[in-house]
Amino acid sequence: MSKRKKKSQVILDQIQNYVELSSHTPDDATLVLEKGKTDFAAIGRAIVVDPHWVEKVEDNREETIRADIYTSNIFRSLFNE
């Protein structure tokens, strides 16, 4: 019986270089990709903070991207008494 790889490992096996961006800006992702520093730029946390990240980038509305979950009204409301 063969052991199956996790989906994430299959993807990583295909990508030679990848960078997990600590910044949430499209410019940062573009910069590392254009410089050839990576084949793939992960933006997972940015999507969690702002689920509309991709649509905002496509619509040229980068200035409306929420970069910090702590500034979210939803998150802030959890701690208001």
PDB file of N, CA and C in Angstrom:
ATOM      1  N   MET A   1       0.837  -1.172   0.000  1.00  0.00           N
ATOM      2  CA  MET A   1       0.000   0.000   0.000  1.00  0.00           C
ATOM      3  C   MET A   1       0.888   1.242   0.000  1.00  0.00           C
ATOM      4  N   SER A   2       0.692   2.103  -0.997  1.00  0.00           N
ATOM      5  CA  SER A   2       1.529   3.294  -1.091  1.00  0.00           C
ATOM      6  C   SER A   2       0.955   4.427  -0.248  1.00  0.00           C
ATOM      7  N   LYS A   3       1.868   5.189   0.300  1.00  0.00           N
ATOM      8  CA  LYS A   3       1.464   6.324   1.117  1.00  0.00           C
ATOM      9  C   LYS A   3       1.221   7.525   0.202  1.00  0.00           C
ATOM     10  N   ARG A   4       0.040   8.147   0.322  1.00  0.00           N
ATOM     11  CA  ARG A   4      -0.303   9.286  -0.520  1.00  0.00           C
ATOM     12  C   ARG A   4       0.282  10.561   0.068  1.00  0.00           C
ATOM     13  N   LYS A   5       0.756  11.442  -0.816  1.00  0.00           N
ATOM     14  CA  LYS A   5       1.282  12.729  -0.383  1.00  0.00           C
ATOM     15  C   LYS A   5       0.140  13.688  -0.121  1.00  0.00           C
ATOM     16  N   LYS A   6       0.370  14.628   0.780  1.00  0.00           N
ATOM     17  CA  LYS A   6      -0.596  15.700   1.006  1.00  0.00           C
ATOM     18  C   LYS A   6      -0.621  16.584  -0.233  1.00  0.00           C
ATOM     19  N   LYS A   7      -1.773  17.172  -0.499  1.00  0.00           N
ATOM     20  CA  LYS A   7      -1.904  18.056  -1.665  1.00  0.00           C
ATOM     21  C   LYS A   7      -0.877  19.166  -1.639  1.00  0.00           C
ATOM     22  N   SER A   8      -0.646  19.738  -0.464  1.00  0.00           N
ATOM     23  CA  SER A   8       0.321  20.832  -0.369  1.00  0.00           C
ATOM     24  C   SER A   8       1.721  20.368  -0.753  1.00  0.00           C
ATOM     25  N   GLN A   9       2.077  19.141  -0.418  1.00  0.00           N
ATOM     26  CA  GLN A   9       3.401  18.627  -0.771  1.00  0.00           C
ATOM     27  C   GLN A   9       3.519  18.387  -2.267  1.00  0.00           C
ATOM     28  N   VAL A  10       2.453  17.930  -2.897  1.00  0.00           N
ATOM     29  CA  VAL A  10       2.457  17.732  -4.348  1.00  0.00           C
ATOM     30  C   VAL A  10       2.704  19.075  -5.045  1.00  0.00           C
ATOM     31  N   ILE A  11       2.044  20.130  -4.581  1.00  0.00           N
ATOM     32  CA  ILE A  11       2.236  21.461  -5.165  1.00  0.00           C
ATOM     33  C   ILE A  11       3.668  21.928  -4.952  1.00  0.00           C
ATOM     34  N   LEU A  12       4.174  21.805  -3.723  1.00  0.00           N
ATOM     35  CA  LEU A  12       5.540  22.244  -3.433  1.00  0.00           C
ATOM     36  C   LEU A  12       6.572  21.475  -4.248  1.00  0.00           C
ATOM     37  N   ASP A  13       6.300  20.217  -4.528  1.00  0.00           N
ATOM     38  CA  ASP A  13       7.213  19.423  -5.351  1.00  0.00           C
ATOM     39  C   ASP A  13       7.314  19.973  -6.770  1.00  0.00           C
ATOM     40  N   GLN A  14       6.260  20.624  -7.259  1.00  0.00           N
ATOM     41  CA  GLN A  14       6.234  21.164  -8.615  1.00  0.00           C
ATOM     42  C   GLN A  14       6.810  22.573  -8.711  1.00  0.00           C
ATOM     43  N   ILE A  15       6.796  23.301  -7.606  1.00  0.00           N
ATOM     44  CA  ILE A  15       7.277  24.683  -7.597  1.00  0.00           C
ATOM     45  C   ILE A  15       8.697  24.682  -7.059  1.00  0.00           C
ATOM     46  N   GLN A  16       9.613  25.196  -7.853  1.00  0.00           N
ATOM     47  CA  GLN A  16      11.013  25.200  -7.446  1.00  0.00           C
ATOM     48  C   GLN A  16      11.286  26.197  -6.324  1.00  0.00           C
ATOM     49  N   ASN A  17      10.748  27.380  -6.461  1.00  0.00           N
ATOM     50  CA  ASN A  17      10.966  28.432  -5.483  1.00  0.00           C
ATOM     51  C   ASN A  17       9.641  29.099  -5.176  1.00  0.00           C
ATOM     52  N   TYR A  18       9.374  29.319  -3.907  1.00  0.00           N
ATOM     53  CA  TYR A  18       8.174  30.070  -3.567  1.00  0.00           C
ATOM     54  C   TYR A  18       8.471  30.981  -2.388  1.00  0.00           C
ATOM     55  N   VAL A  19       7.715  32.041  -2.284  1.00  0.00           N
ATOM     56  CA  VAL A  19       7.882  33.014  -1.221  1.00  0.00           C
ATOM     57  C   VAL A  19       6.539  33.245  -0.578  1.00  0.00           C
ATOM     58  N   GLU A  20       6.493  33.155   0.730  1.00  0.00           N
ATOM     59  CA  GLU A  20       5.288  33.542   1.444  1.00  0.00           C
ATOM     60  C   GLU A  20       5.468  34.996   1.818  1.00  0.00           C
ATOM     61  N   LEU A  21       4.616  35.848   1.266  1.00  0.00           N
ATOM     62  CA  LEU A  21       4.762  37.274   1.488  1.00  0.00           C
ATOM     63  C   LEU A  21       4.291  37.666   2.876  1.00  0.00           C
ATOM     64  N   SER A  22       5.131  38.428   3.562  1.00  0.00           N
ATOM     65  CA  SER A  22       4.692  38.943   4.857  1.00  0.00           C
ATOM     66  C   SER A  22       3.934  40.248   4.662  1.00  0.00           C
ATOM     67  N   SER A  23       4.109  40.843   3.508  1.00  0.00           N
ATOM     68  CA  SER A  23       3.367  42.054   3.174  1.00  0.00           C
ATOM     69  C   SER A  23       2.122  41.655   2.400  1.00  0.00           C
ATOM     70  N   HIS A  24       1.162  42.534   2.356  1.00  0.00           N
ATOM     71  CA  HIS A  24      -0.094  42.204   1.693  1.00  0.00           C
ATOM     72  C   HIS A  24      -0.304  42.969   0.401  1.00  0.00           C
ATOM     73  N   THR A  25       0.729  43.597  -0.121  1.00  0.00           N
ATOM     74  CA  THR A  25       0.526  44.450  -1.282  1.00  0.00           C
ATOM     75  C   THR A  25       0.767  43.710  -2.589  1.00  0.00           C
ATOM     76  N   PRO A  26      -0.016  44.045  -3.602  1.00  0.00           N
ATOM     77  CA  PRO A  26       0.208  43.459  -4.922  1.00  0.00           C
ATOM     78  C   PRO A  26       1.578  43.838  -5.479  1.00  0.00           C
ATOM     79  N   ASP A  27       2.074  45.029  -5.137  1.00  0.00           N
ATOM     80  CA  ASP A  27       3.391  45.454  -5.622  1.00  0.00           C
ATOM     81  C   ASP A  27       4.494  44.531  -5.127  1.00  0.00           C
ATOM     82  N   ASP A  28       4.393  44.092  -3.880  1.00  0.00           N
ATOM     83  CA  ASP A  28       5.394  43.171  -3.339  1.00  0.00           C
ATOM     84  C   ASP A  28       5.367  41.835  -4.071  1.00  0.00           C
ATOM     85  N   ALA A  29       4.176  41.333  -4.332  1.00  0.00           N
ATOM     86  CA  ALA A  29       4.056  40.071  -5.067  1.00  0.00           C
ATOM     87  C   ALA A  29       4.623  40.211  -6.473  1.00  0.00           C
ATOM     88  N   THR A  30       4.286  41.298  -7.130  1.00  0.00           N
ATOM     89  CA  THR A  30       4.776  41.549  -8.489  1.00  0.00           C
ATOM     90  C   THR A  30       6.294  41.660  -8.512  1.00  0.00           C
ATOM     91  N   LEU A  31       6.853  42.371  -7.525  1.00  0.00           N
ATOM     92  CA  LEU A  31       8.299  42.582  -7.472  1.00  0.00           C
ATOM     93  C   LEU A  31       9.066  41.266  -7.380  1.00  0.00           C
ATOM     94  N   VAL A  32       8.675  40.388  -6.463  1.00  0.00           N
ATOM     95  CA  VAL A  32       9.418  39.135  -6.314  1.00  0.00           C
ATOM     96  C   VAL A  32       9.246  38.242  -7.532  1.00  0.00           C
ATOM     97  N   LEU A  33       8.072  38.281  -8.158  1.00  0.00           N
ATOM     98  CA  LEU A  33       7.850  37.467  -9.350  1.00  0.00           C
ATOM     99  C   LEU A  33       8.649  38.000 -10.539  1.00  0.00           C
ATOM    100  N   GLU A  34       8.629  39.326 -10.733  1.00  0.00           N
ATOM    101  CA  GLU A  34       9.343  39.917 -11.871  1.00  0.00           C
ATOM    102  C   GLU A  34      10.855  39.786 -11.743  1.00  0.00           C
ATOM    103  N   LYS A  35      11.383  39.814 -10.529  1.00  0.00           N
ATOM    104  CA  LYS A  35      12.825  39.678 -10.320  1.00  0.00           C
ATOM    105  C   LYS A  35      13.283  38.231 -10.445  1.00  0.00           C
ATOM    106  N   GLY A  36      12.325  37.321 -10.634  1.00  0.00           N
ATOM    107  CA  GLY A  36      12.694  35.919 -10.784  1.00  0.00           C
ATOM    108  C   GLY A  36      13.113  35.269  -9.484  1.00  0.00           C
ATOM    109  N   LYS A  37      12.757  35.878  -8.365  1.00  0.00           N
ATOM    110  CA  LYS A  37      13.128  35.334  -7.057  1.00  0.00           C
ATOM    111  C   LYS A  37      12.254  34.142  -6.661  1.00  0.00           C
ATOM    112  N   THR A  38      11.135  33.983  -7.355  1.00  0.00           N
ATOM    113  CA  THR A  38      10.216  32.910  -7.010  1.00  0.00           C
ATOM    114  C   THR A  38       9.366  32.535  -8.220  1.00  0.00           C
ATOM    115  N   ASP A  39       8.796  31.358  -8.174  1.00  0.00           N
ATOM    116  CA  ASP A  39       7.852  30.919  -9.191  1.00  0.00           C
ATOM    117  C   ASP A  39       6.421  31.123  -8.713  1.00  0.00           C
ATOM    118  N   PHE A  40       6.272  31.354  -7.411  1.00  0.00           N
ATOM    119  CA  PHE A  40       4.948  31.386  -6.800  1.00  0.00           C
ATOM    120  C   PHE A  40       4.994  32.304  -5.586  1.00  0.00           C
ATOM    121  N   ALA A  41       4.018  33.177  -5.438  1.00  0.00           N
ATOM    122  CA  ALA A  41       3.932  34.054  -4.271  1.00  0.00           C
ATOM    123  C   ALA A  41       2.648  33.733  -3.517  1.00  0.00           C
ATOM    124  N   ALA A  42       2.774  33.255  -2.296  1.00  0.00           N
ATOM    125  CA  ALA A  42       1.607  32.901  -1.484  1.00  0.00           C
ATOM    126  C   ALA A  42       1.061  34.138  -0.786  1.00  0.00           C
ATOM    127  N   ILE A  43      -0.238  34.322  -0.883  1.00  0.00           N
ATOM    128  CA  ILE A  43      -0.867  35.476  -0.242  1.00  0.00           C
ATOM    129  C   ILE A  43      -1.989  35.046   0.690  1.00  0.00           C
ATOM    130  N   GLY A  44      -1.838  33.913   1.318  1.00  0.00           N
ATOM    131  CA  GLY A  44      -2.889  33.335   2.150  1.00  0.00           C
ATOM    132  C   GLY A  44      -3.392  34.230   3.250  1.00  0.00           C
ATOM    133  N   ARG A  45      -2.498  34.799   4.063  1.00  0.00           N
ATOM    134  CA  ARG A  45      -2.925  35.638   5.169  1.00  0.00           C
ATOM    135  C   ARG A  45      -3.650  36.879   4.668  1.00  0.00           C
ATOM    136  N   ALA A  46      -3.201  37.435   3.560  1.00  0.00           N
ATOM    137  CA  ALA A  46      -3.857  38.617   2.994  1.00  0.00           C
ATOM    138  C   ALA A  46      -5.300  38.316   2.619  1.00  0.00           C
ATOM    139  N   ILE A  47      -5.561  37.109   2.127  1.00  0.00           N
ATOM    140  CA  ILE A  47      -6.920  36.721   1.752  1.00  0.00           C
ATOM    141  C   ILE A  47      -7.785  36.548   2.993  1.00  0.00           C
ATOM    142  N   VAL A  48      -7.198  36.074   4.083  1.00  0.00           N
ATOM    143  CA  VAL A  48      -7.952  35.934   5.322  1.00  0.00           C
ATOM    144  C   VAL A  48      -8.325  37.318   5.860  1.00  0.00           C
ATOM    145  N   VAL A  49      -7.383  38.239   5.834  1.00  0.00           N
ATOM    146  CA  VAL A  49      -7.620  39.590   6.332  1.00  0.00           C
ATOM    147  C   VAL A  49      -8.625  40.323   5.455  1.00  0.00           C
ATOM    148  N   ASP A  50      -8.487  40.188   4.143  1.00  0.00           N
ATOM    149  CA  ASP A  50      -9.401  40.851   3.213  1.00  0.00           C
ATOM    150  C   ASP A  50      -9.797  39.859   2.122  1.00  0.00           C
ATOM    151  N   PRO A  51     -10.935  39.201   2.291  1.00  0.00           N
ATOM    152  CA  PRO A  51     -11.361  38.180   1.328  1.00  0.00           C
ATOM    153  C   PRO A  51     -11.581  38.710  -0.089  1.00  0.00           C
ATOM    154  N   HIS A  52     -11.657  40.017  -0.248  1.00  0.00           N
ATOM    155  CA  HIS A  52     -11.884  40.624  -1.566  1.00  0.00           C
ATOM    156  C   HIS A  52     -10.580  41.141  -2.183  1.00  0.00           C
ATOM    157  N   TRP A  53      -9.441  40.679  -1.669  1.00  0.00           N
ATOM    158  CA  TRP A  53      -8.127  41.128  -2.107  1.00  0.00           C
ATOM    159  C   TRP A  53      -7.974  41.014  -3.626  1.00  0.00           C
ATOM    160  N   VAL A  54      -8.281  39.867  -4.175  1.00  0.00           N
ATOM    161  CA  VAL A  54      -8.096  39.634  -5.612  1.00  0.00           C
ATOM    162  C   VAL A  54      -8.970  40.575  -6.434  1.00  0.00           C
ATOM    163  N   GLU A  55     -10.227  40.692  -6.057  1.00  0.00           N
ATOM    164  CA  GLU A  55     -11.148  41.571  -6.795  1.00  0.00           C
ATOM    165  C   GLU A  55     -10.680  43.028  -6.739  1.00  0.00           C
ATOM    166  N   LYS A  56     -10.183  43.443  -5.572  1.00  0.00           N
ATOM    167  CA  LYS A  56      -9.699  44.820  -5.424  1.00  0.00           C
ATOM    168  C   LYS A  56      -8.483  45.066  -6.304  1.00  0.00           C
ATOM    169  N   VAL A  57      -7.594  44.095  -6.398  1.00  0.00           N
ATOM    170  CA  VAL A  57      -6.423  44.230  -7.267  1.00  0.00           C
ATOM    171  C   VAL A  57      -6.865  44.285  -8.728  1.00  0.00           C
ATOM    172  N   GLU A  58      -7.762  43.391  -9.107  1.00  0.00           N
ATOM    173  CA  GLU A  58      -8.253  43.374 -10.493  1.00  0.00           C
ATOM    174  C   GLU A  58      -8.960  44.671 -10.871  1.00  0.00           C
ATOM    175  N   ASP A  59      -9.641  45.294  -9.909  1.00  0.00           N
ATOM    176  CA  ASP A  59     -10.382  46.540 -10.152  1.00  0.00           C
ATOM    177  C   ASP A  59      -9.536  47.783  -9.909  1.00  0.00           C
ATOM    178  N   ASN A  60      -8.217  47.582  -9.690  1.00  0.00           N
ATOM    179  CA  ASN A  60      -7.294  48.691  -9.448  1.00  0.00           C
ATOM    180  C   ASN A  60      -7.719  49.523  -8.229  1.00  0.00           C
ATOM    181  N   ARG A  61      -8.113  48.817  -7.167  1.00  0.00           N
ATOM    182  CA  ARG A  61      -8.521  49.468  -5.923  1.00  0.00           C
ATOM    183  C   ARG A  61      -7.615  49.028  -4.772  1.00  0.00           C
ATOM    184  N   GLU A  62      -6.304  48.961  -5.029  1.00  0.00           N
ATOM    185  CA  GLU A  62      -5.369  48.495  -4.010  1.00  0.00           C
ATOM    186  C   GLU A  62      -5.428  49.313  -2.728  1.00  0.00           C
ATOM    187  N   GLU A  63      -5.752  50.597  -2.832  1.00  0.00           N
ATOM    188  CA  GLU A  63      -5.780  51.455  -1.643  1.00  0.00           C
ATOM    189  C   GLU A  63      -6.877  51.052  -0.665  1.00  0.00           C
ATOM    190  N   THR A  64      -7.820  50.236  -1.111  1.00  0.00           N
ATOM    191  CA  THR A  64      -8.908  49.797  -0.228  1.00  0.00           C
ATOM    192  C   THR A  64      -8.642  48.436   0.397  1.00  0.00           C
ATOM    193  N   ILE A  65      -7.495  47.832   0.102  1.00  0.00           N
ATOM    194  CA  ILE A  65      -7.161  46.527   0.680  1.00  0.00           C
ATOM    195  C   ILE A  65      -6.904  46.694   2.168  1.00  0.00           C
ATOM    196  N   ARG A  66      -7.588  45.885   2.956  1.00  0.00           N
ATOM    197  CA  ARG A  66      -7.382  45.884   4.400  1.00  0.00           C
ATOM    198  C   ARG A  66      -6.128  45.053   4.672  1.00  0.00           C
ATOM    199  N   ALA A  67      -5.119  45.675   5.254  1.00  0.00           N
ATOM    200  CA  ALA A  67      -3.836  45.007   5.440  1.00  0.00           C
ATOM    201  C   ALA A  67      -3.649  44.444   6.839  1.00  0.00           C
ATOM    202  N   ASP A  68      -4.512  44.812   7.757  1.00  0.00           N
ATOM    203  CA  ASP A  68      -4.334  44.399   9.144  1.00  0.00           C
ATOM    204  C   ASP A  68      -5.678  43.991   9.717  1.00  0.00           C
ATOM    205  N   ILE A  69      -5.765  42.777  10.199  1.00  0.00           N
ATOM    206  CA  ILE A  69      -7.039  42.279  10.716  1.00  0.00           C
ATOM    207  C   ILE A  69      -7.492  43.073  11.934  1.00  0.00           C
ATOM    208  N   TYR A  70      -6.567  43.684  12.646  1.00  0.00           N
ATOM    209  CA  TYR A  70      -6.930  44.447  13.836  1.00  0.00           C
ATOM    210  C   TYR A  70      -7.686  45.728  13.505  1.00  0.00           C
ATOM    211  N   THR A  71      -7.598  46.180  12.263  1.00  0.00           N
ATOM    212  CA  THR A  71      -8.338  47.379  11.875  1.00  0.00           C
ATOM    213  C   THR A  71      -9.726  47.039  11.367  1.00  0.00           C
ATOM    214  N   SER A  72     -10.019  45.783  11.302  1.00  0.00           N
ATOM    215  CA  SER A  72     -11.331  45.348  10.835  1.00  0.00           C
ATOM    216  C   SER A  72     -12.402  45.690  11.863  1.00  0.00           C
ATOM    217  N   ASN A  73     -13.496  46.267  11.417  1.00  0.00           N
ATOM    218  CA  ASN A  73     -14.603  46.580  12.316  1.00  0.00           C
ATOM    219  C   ASN A  73     -15.161  45.319  12.951  1.00  0.00           C
ATOM    220  N   ILE A  74     -15.192  44.236  12.205  1.00  0.00           N
ATOM    221  CA  ILE A  74     -15.715  42.979  12.726  1.00  0.00           C
ATOM    222  C   ILE A  74     -14.841  42.495  13.881  1.00  0.00           C
ATOM    223  N   PHE A  75     -13.536  42.469  13.661  1.00  0.00           N
ATOM    224  CA  PHE A  75     -12.622  41.989  14.692  1.00  0.00           C
ATOM    225  C   PHE A  75     -12.641  42.917  15.891  1.00  0.00           C
ATOM    226  N   ARG A  76     -12.617  44.223  15.640  1.00  0.00           N
ATOM    227  CA  ARG A  76     -12.619  45.208  16.724  1.00  0.00           C
ATOM    228  C   ARG A  76     -13.884  45.063  17.563  1.00  0.00           C
ATOM    229  N   SER A  77     -15.015  44.782  16.934  1.00  0.00           N
ATOM    230  CA  SER A  77     -16.278  44.674  17.665  1.00  0.00           C
ATOM    231  C   SER A  77     -16.277  43.495  18.637  1.00  0.00           C
ATOM    232  N   LEU A  78     -15.445  42.502  18.401  1.00  0.00           N
ATOM    233  CA  LEU A  78     -15.374  41.360  19.308  1.00  0.00           C
ATOM    234  C   LEU A  78     -14.853  41.758  20.676  1.00  0.00           C
ATOM    235  N   PHE A  79     -14.055  42.839  20.728  1.00  0.00           N
ATOM    236  CA  PHE A  79     -13.422  43.235  21.971  1.00  0.00           C
ATOM    237  C   PHE A  79     -14.058  44.460  22.614  1.00  0.00           C
ATOM    238  N   ASN A  80     -15.038  45.050  21.963  1.00  0.00           N
ATOM    239  CA  ASN A  80     -15.758  46.177  22.553  1.00  0.00           C
ATOM    240  C   ASN A  80     -16.739  45.653  23.578  1.00  0.00           C
ATOM    241  N   GLU A  81     -16.741  46.287  24.711  1.00  0.00           N
ATOM    242  CA  GLU A  81     -17.656  45.841  25.781  1.00  0.00           C
ATOM    243  C   GLU A  81     -18.830  46.767  25.920  1.00  0.00           C
TER     244      GLU A  81
END
